[in-house]
PDB file of N, CA and C in Angstrom:
ATOM      1  N   MET A   1       0.728  -9.589 -32.442  1.00  0.00           N
ATOM      2  CA  MET A   1       1.444  -8.820 -31.447  1.00  0.00           C
ATOM      3  C   MET A   1       2.852  -8.584 -31.966  1.00  0.00           C
ATOM      4  N   ASN A   2       3.325  -7.355 -31.812  1.00  0.00           N
ATOM      5  CA  ASN A   2       4.698  -7.059 -32.196  1.00  0.00           C
ATOM      6  C   ASN A   2       5.262  -5.977 -31.296  1.00  0.00           C
ATOM      7  N   GLY A   3       6.524  -5.703 -31.453  1.00  0.00           N
ATOM      8  CA  GLY A   3       7.219  -4.757 -30.593  1.00  0.00           C
ATOM      9  C   GLY A   3       6.747  -3.326 -30.698  1.00  0.00           C
ATOM     10  N   PHE A   4       5.910  -3.043 -31.671  1.00  0.00           N
ATOM     11  CA  PHE A   4       5.404  -1.682 -31.823  1.00  0.00           C
ATOM     12  C   PHE A   4       4.005  -1.519 -31.246  1.00  0.00           C
ATOM     13  N   ASP A   5       3.402  -2.614 -30.760  1.00  0.00           N
ATOM     14  CA  ASP A   5       2.094  -2.531 -30.113  1.00  0.00           C
ATOM     15  C   ASP A   5       2.231  -1.889 -28.738  1.00  0.00           C
ATOM     16  N   LYS A   6       1.180  -1.274 -28.300  1.00  0.00           N
ATOM     17  CA  LYS A   6       1.142  -0.702 -26.953  1.00  0.00           C
ATOM     18  C   LYS A   6       1.108  -1.831 -25.927  1.00  0.00           C
ATOM     19  N   GLU A   7       1.585  -1.526 -24.730  1.00  0.00           N
ATOM     20  CA  GLU A   7       1.670  -2.539 -23.681  1.00  0.00           C
ATOM     21  C   GLU A   7       0.313  -3.165 -23.368  1.00  0.00           C
ATOM     22  N   ASP A   8      -0.757  -2.365 -23.345  1.00  0.00           N
ATOM     23  CA  ASP A   8      -2.072  -2.925 -23.039  1.00  0.00           C
ATOM     24  C   ASP A   8      -2.551  -3.889 -24.119  1.00  0.00           C
ATOM     25  N   VAL A   9      -2.189  -3.624 -25.369  1.00  0.00           N
ATOM     26  CA  VAL A   9      -2.542  -4.531 -26.467  1.00  0.00           C
ATOM     27  C   VAL A   9      -1.803  -5.858 -26.297  1.00  0.00           C
ATOM     28  N   MET A  10      -0.514  -5.778 -25.945  1.00  0.00           N
ATOM     29  CA  MET A  10       0.270  -6.990 -25.740  1.00  0.00           C
ATOM     30  C   MET A  10      -0.238  -7.787 -24.547  1.00  0.00           C
ATOM     31  N   ASP A  11      -0.543  -7.092 -23.461  1.00  0.00           N
ATOM     32  CA  ASP A  11      -1.064  -7.769 -22.264  1.00  0.00           C
ATOM     33  C   ASP A  11      -2.355  -8.508 -22.583  1.00  0.00           C
ATOM     34  N   LYS A  12      -3.228  -7.868 -23.334  1.00  0.00           N
ATOM     35  CA  LYS A  12      -4.507  -8.488 -23.721  1.00  0.00           C
ATOM     36  C   LYS A  12      -4.261  -9.741 -24.554  1.00  0.00           C
ATOM     37  N   TYR A  13      -3.346  -9.660 -25.509  1.00  0.00           N
ATOM     38  CA  TYR A  13      -3.029 -10.796 -26.371  1.00  0.00           C
ATOM     39  C   TYR A  13      -2.492 -11.973 -25.552  1.00  0.00           C
ATOM     40  N   VAL A  14      -1.589 -11.693 -24.630  1.00  0.00           N
ATOM     41  CA  VAL A  14      -1.014 -12.741 -23.787  1.00  0.00           C
ATOM     42  C   VAL A  14      -2.097 -13.389 -22.929  1.00  0.00           C
ATOM     43  N   LYS A  15      -2.978 -12.590 -22.353  1.00  0.00           N
ATOM     44  CA  LYS A  15      -4.057 -13.130 -21.517  1.00  0.00           C
ATOM     45  C   LYS A  15      -5.048 -13.935 -22.337  1.00  0.00           C
ATOM     46  N   GLU A  16      -5.435 -13.408 -23.499  1.00  0.00           N
ATOM     47  CA  GLU A  16      -6.406 -14.115 -24.344  1.00  0.00           C
ATOM     48  C   GLU A  16      -5.875 -15.462 -24.808  1.00  0.00           C
ATOM     49  N   ASN A  17      -4.582 -15.547 -25.025  1.00  0.00           N
ATOM     50  CA  ASN A  17      -3.983 -16.789 -25.493  1.00  0.00           C
ATOM     51  C   ASN A  17      -3.476 -17.670 -24.363  1.00  0.00           C
ATOM     52  N   LYS A  18      -3.680 -17.218 -23.121  1.00  0.00           N
ATOM     53  CA  LYS A  18      -3.364 -17.983 -21.915  1.00  0.00           C
ATOM     54  C   LYS A  18      -1.916 -18.471 -21.890  1.00  0.00           C
ATOM     55  N   PHE A  19      -1.002 -17.566 -22.291  1.00  0.00           N
ATOM     56  CA  PHE A  19       0.410 -17.913 -22.223  1.00  0.00           C
ATOM     57  C   PHE A  19       0.799 -18.113 -20.772  1.00  0.00           C
ATOM     58  N   THR A  20       1.592 -19.130 -20.505  1.00  0.00           N
ATOM     59  CA  THR A  20       2.040 -19.416 -19.138  1.00  0.00           C
ATOM     60  C   THR A  20       3.535 -19.152 -18.987  1.00  0.00           C
ATOM     61  N   PHE A  21       4.105 -18.456 -19.955  1.00  0.00           N
ATOM     62  CA  PHE A  21       5.531 -18.156 -19.947  1.00  0.00           C
ATOM     63  C   PHE A  21       5.709 -16.653 -20.091  1.00  0.00           C
ATOM     64  N   PRO A  22       6.843 -16.134 -19.646  1.00  0.00           N
ATOM     65  CA  PRO A  22       7.071 -14.694 -19.772  1.00  0.00           C
ATOM     66  C   PRO A  22       7.222 -14.284 -21.237  1.00  0.00           C
ATOM     67  N   VAL A  23       6.657 -13.166 -21.585  1.00  0.00           N
ATOM     68  CA  VAL A  23       6.786 -12.594 -22.918  1.00  0.00           C
ATOM     69  C   VAL A  23       7.560 -11.287 -22.764  1.00  0.00           C
ATOM     70  N   VAL A  24       8.666 -11.165 -23.486  1.00  0.00           N
ATOM     71  CA  VAL A  24       9.506  -9.982 -23.397  1.00  0.00           C
ATOM     72  C   VAL A  24       9.513  -9.296 -24.750  1.00  0.00           C
ATOM     73  N   VAL A  25       9.216  -8.017 -24.736  1.00  0.00           N
ATOM     74  CA  VAL A  25       9.242  -7.221 -25.953  1.00  0.00           C
ATOM     75  C   VAL A  25      10.081  -5.992 -25.662  1.00  0.00           C
ATOM     76  N   ALA A  26      10.961  -5.645 -26.580  1.00  0.00           N
ATOM     77  CA  ALA A  26      11.819  -4.484 -26.396  1.00  0.00           C
ATOM     78  C   ALA A  26      10.989  -3.218 -26.295  1.00  0.00           C
ATOM     79  N   ASN A  27      11.480  -2.276 -25.539  1.00  0.00           N
ATOM     80  CA  ASN A  27      10.854  -0.957 -25.456  1.00  0.00           C
ATOM     81  C   ASN A  27      11.110  -0.232 -26.770  1.00  0.00           C
ATOM     82  N   THR A  28      10.036  -0.004 -27.534  1.00  0.00           N
ATOM     83  CA  THR A  28      10.213   0.630 -28.840  1.00  0.00           C
ATOM     84  C   THR A  28       9.753   2.071 -28.837  1.00  0.00           C
ATOM     85  N   GLY A  29       9.445   2.608 -27.699  1.00  0.00           N
ATOM     86  CA  GLY A  29       8.969   3.986 -27.670  1.00  0.00           C
ATOM     87  C   GLY A  29       9.627   4.775 -26.572  1.00  0.00           C
ATOM     88  N   GLY A  30       9.293   6.030 -26.470  1.00  0.00           N
ATOM     89  CA  GLY A  30       9.761   6.841 -25.365  1.00  0.00           C
ATOM     90  C   GLY A  30      10.956   7.708 -25.667  1.00  0.00           C
ATOM     91  N   GLY A  31      11.570   7.536 -26.823  1.00  0.00           N
ATOM     92  CA  GLY A  31      12.715   8.388 -27.158  1.00  0.00           C
ATOM     93  C   GLY A  31      13.941   8.055 -26.343  1.00  0.00           C
ATOM     94  N   GLY A  32      14.937   8.889 -26.389  1.00  0.00           N
ATOM     95  CA  GLY A  32      16.140   8.703 -25.598  1.00  0.00           C
ATOM     96  C   GLY A  32      17.167   7.782 -26.219  1.00  0.00           C
ATOM     97  N   GLY A  33      16.889   7.250 -27.390  1.00  0.00           N
ATOM     98  CA  GLY A  33      17.874   6.433 -28.082  1.00  0.00           C
ATOM     99  C   GLY A  33      17.948   4.990 -27.650  1.00  0.00           C
ATOM    100  N   GLY A  34      17.257   4.589 -26.583  1.00  0.00           N
ATOM    101  CA  GLY A  34      17.324   3.207 -26.127  1.00  0.00           C
ATOM    102  C   GLY A  34      16.250   2.316 -26.694  1.00  0.00           C
ATOM    103  N   GLU A  35      15.483   2.831 -27.648  1.00  0.00           N
ATOM    104  CA  GLU A  35      14.331   2.104 -28.160  1.00  0.00           C
ATOM    105  C   GLU A  35      14.694   0.737 -28.720  1.00  0.00           C
ATOM    106  N   TYR A  36      15.830   0.633 -29.354  1.00  0.00           N
ATOM    107  CA  TYR A  36      16.177  -0.603 -30.042  1.00  0.00           C
ATOM    108  C   TYR A  36      17.352  -1.323 -29.402  1.00  0.00           C
ATOM    109  N   ALA A  37      17.624  -1.050 -28.147  1.00  0.00           N
ATOM    110  CA  ALA A  37      18.779  -1.653 -27.477  1.00  0.00           C
ATOM    111  C   ALA A  37      18.693  -3.176 -27.455  1.00  0.00           C
ATOM    112  N   LEU A  38      17.525  -3.728 -27.155  1.00  0.00           N
ATOM    113  CA  LEU A  38      17.380  -5.179 -27.105  1.00  0.00           C
ATOM    114  C   LEU A  38      17.551  -5.776 -28.496  1.00  0.00           C
ATOM    115  N   ALA A  39      16.949  -5.150 -29.488  1.00  0.00           N
ATOM    116  CA  ALA A  39      17.091  -5.625 -30.866  1.00  0.00           C
ATOM    117  C   ALA A  39      18.545  -5.598 -31.308  1.00  0.00           C
ATOM    118  N   LYS A  40      19.245  -4.537 -30.971  1.00  0.00           N
ATOM    119  CA  LYS A  40      20.657  -4.438 -31.331  1.00  0.00           C
ATOM    120  C   LYS A  40      21.479  -5.502 -30.603  1.00  0.00           C
ATOM    121  N   ALA A  41      21.186  -5.722 -29.334  1.00  0.00           N
ATOM    122  CA  ALA A  41      21.932  -6.693 -28.542  1.00  0.00           C
ATOM    123  C   ALA A  41      21.797  -8.104 -29.107  1.00  0.00           C
ATOM    124  N   TYR A  42      20.619  -8.415 -29.658  1.00  0.00           N
ATOM    125  CA  TYR A  42      20.377  -9.750 -30.205  1.00  0.00           C
ATOM    126  C   TYR A  42      20.612  -9.820 -31.707  1.00  0.00           C
ATOM    127  N   GLY A  43      20.986  -8.724 -32.332  1.00  0.00           N
ATOM    128  CA  GLY A  43      21.284  -8.749 -33.755  1.00  0.00           C
ATOM    129  C   GLY A  43      20.063  -8.822 -34.642  1.00  0.00           C
ATOM    130  N   VAL A  44      18.948  -8.276 -34.191  1.00  0.00           N
ATOM    131  CA  VAL A  44      17.733  -8.287 -34.998  1.00  0.00           C
ATOM    132  C   VAL A  44      17.906  -7.331 -36.168  1.00  0.00           C
ATOM    133  N   GLU A  45      17.712  -7.860 -37.361  1.00  0.00           N
ATOM    134  CA  GLU A  45      17.819  -7.053 -38.570  1.00  0.00           C
ATOM    135  C   GLU A  45      16.521  -7.013 -39.353  1.00  0.00           C
ATOM    136  N   ALA A  46      15.573  -7.893 -39.007  1.00  0.00           N
ATOM    137  CA  ALA A  46      14.302  -7.964 -39.726  1.00  0.00           C
ATOM    138  C   ALA A  46      13.215  -8.403 -38.756  1.00  0.00           C
ATOM    139  N   TYR A  47      11.993  -8.100 -39.128  1.00  0.00           N
ATOM    140  CA  TYR A  47      10.842  -8.506 -38.320  1.00  0.00           C
ATOM    141  C   TYR A  47       9.967  -9.438 -39.139  1.00  0.00           C
ATOM    142  N   PRO A  48       9.422 -10.506 -38.549  1.00  0.00           N
ATOM    143  CA  PRO A  48       9.645 -10.873 -37.155  1.00  0.00           C
ATOM    144  C   PRO A  48      10.947 -11.651 -36.985  1.00  0.00           C
ATOM    145  N   THR A  49      11.578 -11.461 -35.864  1.00  0.00           N
ATOM    146  CA  THR A  49      12.678 -12.300 -35.409  1.00  0.00           C
ATOM    147  C   THR A  49      12.249 -12.814 -34.043  1.00  0.00           C
ATOM    148  N   ASN A  50      12.291 -14.118 -33.884  1.00  0.00           N
ATOM    149  CA  ASN A  50      11.818 -14.735 -32.645  1.00  0.00           C
ATOM    150  C   ASN A  50      12.926 -15.522 -31.986  1.00  0.00           C
ATOM    151  N   TYR A  51      12.952 -15.453 -30.670  1.00  0.00           N
ATOM    152  CA  TYR A  51      13.903 -16.202 -29.872  1.00  0.00           C
ATOM    153  C   TYR A  51      13.155 -17.018 -28.839  1.00  0.00           C
ATOM    154  N   LEU A  52      13.654 -18.214 -28.582  1.00  0.00           N
ATOM    155  CA  LEU A  52      13.168 -19.029 -27.479  1.00  0.00           C
ATOM    156  C   LEU A  52      14.343 -19.189 -26.533  1.00  0.00           C
ATOM    157  N   VAL A  53      14.150 -18.785 -25.287  1.00  0.00           N
ATOM    158  CA  VAL A  53      15.215 -18.781 -24.293  1.00  0.00           C
ATOM    159  C   VAL A  53      14.841 -19.756 -23.190  1.00  0.00           C
ATOM    160  N   ASP A  54      15.756 -20.637 -22.820  1.00  0.00           N
ATOM    161  CA  ASP A  54      15.457 -21.607 -21.772  1.00  0.00           C
ATOM    162  C   ASP A  54      15.574 -20.977 -20.386  1.00  0.00           C
ATOM    163  N   ALA A  55      15.298 -21.768 -19.372  1.00  0.00           N
ATOM    164  CA  ALA A  55      15.296 -21.275 -17.990  1.00  0.00           C
ATOM    165  C   ALA A  55      16.662 -20.787 -17.533  1.00  0.00           C
ATOM    166  N   LYS A  56      17.723 -21.237 -18.185  1.00  0.00           N
ATOM    167  CA  LYS A  56      19.077 -20.810 -17.835  1.00  0.00           C
ATOM    168  C   LYS A  56      19.485 -19.541 -18.574  1.00  0.00           C
ATOM    169  N   GLY A  57      18.623 -19.069 -19.469  1.00  0.00           N
ATOM    170  CA  GLY A  57      18.924 -17.865 -20.228  1.00  0.00           C
ATOM    171  C   GLY A  57      19.646 -18.122 -21.538  1.00  0.00           C
ATOM    172  N   THR A  58      19.714 -19.368 -21.939  1.00  0.00           N
ATOM    173  CA  THR A  58      20.371 -19.739 -23.186  1.00  0.00           C
ATOM    174  C   THR A  58      19.377 -19.672 -24.345  1.00  0.00           C
ATOM    175  N   VAL A  59      19.765 -19.033 -25.430  1.00  0.00           N
ATOM    176  CA  VAL A  59      18.914 -19.004 -26.618  1.00  0.00           C
ATOM    177  C   VAL A  59      18.951 -20.395 -27.237  1.00  0.00           C
ATOM    178  N   VAL A  60      17.790 -21.056 -27.305  1.00  0.00           N
ATOM    179  CA  VAL A  60      17.721 -22.414 -27.842  1.00  0.00           C
ATOM    180  C   VAL A  60      17.070 -22.450 -29.226  1.00  0.00           C
ATOM    181  N   PHE A  61      16.520 -21.326 -29.657  1.00  0.00           N
ATOM    182  CA  PHE A  61      15.916 -21.251 -30.979  1.00  0.00           C
ATOM    183  C   PHE A  61      15.884 -19.797 -31.420  1.00  0.00           C
ATOM    184  N   ARG A  62      16.167 -19.579 -32.702  1.00  0.00           N
ATOM    185  CA  ARG A  62      16.075 -18.241 -33.283  1.00  0.00           C
ATOM    186  C   ARG A  62      15.565 -18.400 -34.697  1.00  0.00           C
ATOM    187  N   SER A  63      14.622 -17.562 -35.069  1.00  0.00           N
ATOM    188  CA  SER A  63      14.155 -17.575 -36.455  1.00  0.00           C
ATOM    189  C   SER A  63      13.968 -16.151 -36.939  1.00  0.00           C
ATOM    190  N   VAL A  64      14.367 -15.933 -38.174  1.00  0.00           N
ATOM    191  CA  VAL A  64      14.095 -14.674 -38.851  1.00  0.00           C
ATOM    192  C   VAL A  64      12.984 -14.989 -39.833  1.00  0.00           C
ATOM    193  N   GLY A  65      11.883 -14.275 -39.726  1.00  0.00           N
ATOM    194  CA  GLY A  65      10.678 -14.669 -40.442  1.00  0.00           C
ATOM    195  C   GLY A  65       9.869 -15.561 -39.529  1.00  0.00           C
ATOM    196  N   PHE A  66       8.712 -15.935 -39.966  1.00  0.00           N
ATOM    197  CA  PHE A  66       7.847 -16.743 -39.113  1.00  0.00           C
ATOM    198  C   PHE A  66       8.035 -18.206 -39.437  1.00  0.00           C
ATOM    199  N   ASP A  67       8.519 -18.968 -38.467  1.00  0.00           N
ATOM    200  CA  ASP A  67       8.767 -20.395 -38.612  1.00  0.00           C
ATOM    201  C   ASP A  67       8.013 -21.127 -37.511  1.00  0.00           C
ATOM    202  N   GLU A  68       6.708 -21.245 -37.688  1.00  0.00           N
ATOM    203  CA  GLU A  68       5.886 -21.868 -36.647  1.00  0.00           C
ATOM    204  C   GLU A  68       6.297 -23.306 -36.384  1.00  0.00           C
ATOM    205  N   ALA A  69       6.541 -24.074 -37.432  1.00  0.00           N
ATOM    206  CA  ALA A  69       6.921 -25.476 -37.251  1.00  0.00           C
ATOM    207  C   ALA A  69       8.233 -25.585 -36.477  1.00  0.00           C
ATOM    208  N   GLY A  70       9.203 -24.759 -36.823  1.00  0.00           N
ATOM    209  CA  GLY A  70      10.486 -24.782 -36.116  1.00  0.00           C
ATOM    210  C   GLY A  70      10.344 -24.379 -34.663  1.00  0.00           C
ATOM    211  N   LEU A  71       9.535 -23.351 -34.406  1.00  0.00           N
ATOM    212  CA  LEU A  71       9.312 -22.903 -33.036  1.00  0.00           C
ATOM    213  C   LEU A  71       8.618 -23.976 -32.214  1.00  0.00           C
ATOM    214  N   ARG A  72       7.573 -24.576 -32.795  1.00  0.00           N
ATOM    215  CA  ARG A  72       6.865 -25.650 -32.074  1.00  0.00           C
ATOM    216  C   ARG A  72       7.798 -26.824 -31.771  1.00  0.00           C
ATOM    217  N   ALA A  73       8.641 -27.186 -32.723  1.00  0.00           N
ATOM    218  CA  ALA A  73       9.591 -28.280 -32.501  1.00  0.00           C
ATOM    219  C   ALA A  73      10.583 -27.934 -31.392  1.00  0.00           C
ATOM    220  N   ALA A  74      11.049 -26.697 -31.392  1.00  0.00           N
ATOM    221  CA  ALA A  74      11.985 -26.254 -30.350  1.00  0.00           C
ATOM    222  C   ALA A  74      11.328 -26.269 -28.976  1.00  0.00           C
ATOM    223  N   ILE A  75      10.084 -25.847 -28.909  1.00  0.00           N
ATOM    224  CA  ILE A  75       9.354 -25.867 -27.634  1.00  0.00           C
ATOM    225  C   ILE A  75       9.182 -27.290 -27.151  1.00  0.00           C
ATOM    226  N   GLU A  76       8.764 -28.188 -28.049  1.00  0.00           N
ATOM    227  CA  GLU A  76       8.587 -29.595 -27.674  1.00  0.00           C
ATOM    228  C   GLU A  76       9.883 -30.197 -27.145  1.00  0.00           C
ATOM    229  N   LYS A  77      10.986 -29.912 -27.820  1.00  0.00           N
ATOM    230  CA  LYS A  77      12.287 -30.421 -27.384  1.00  0.00           C
ATOM    231  C   LYS A  77      12.662 -29.849 -26.016  1.00  0.00           C
ATOM    232  N   LEU A  78      12.335 -28.592 -25.801  1.00  0.00           N
ATOM    233  CA  LEU A  78      12.682 -27.921 -24.545  1.00  0.00           C
ATOM    234  C   LEU A  78      11.894 -28.480 -23.362  1.00  0.00           C
ATOM    235  N   VAL A  79      10.649 -28.836 -23.553  1.00  0.00           N
ATOM    236  CA  VAL A  79       9.805 -29.263 -22.430  1.00  0.00           C
ATOM    237  C   VAL A  79       9.902 -30.742 -22.133  1.00  0.00           C
ATOM    238  N   LYS A  80      10.627 -31.485 -22.969  1.00  0.00           N
ATOM    239  CA  LYS A  80      10.782 -32.935 -22.718  1.00  0.00           C
ATOM    240  C   LYS A  80      11.868 -33.212 -21.740  1.00  0.00           C
TER     241      LYS A  80
END
């Protein structure tokens, strides 16, 4: 799943994997110049870039590239 997938593809992926947390993906289509506003706001320069945000809205983990071990560790720390 990535920011260029259609919404129905993303919804299917989230349901199939039984995610119990909100998944947010920037609007990458539709024209009007706002396609990359979220990416720009967070300083995304490469894909994949992943963020883990806590319930207070604080970014508690960021990775450029795929860092599964780091993400899993951040999640474990967050839920304890």
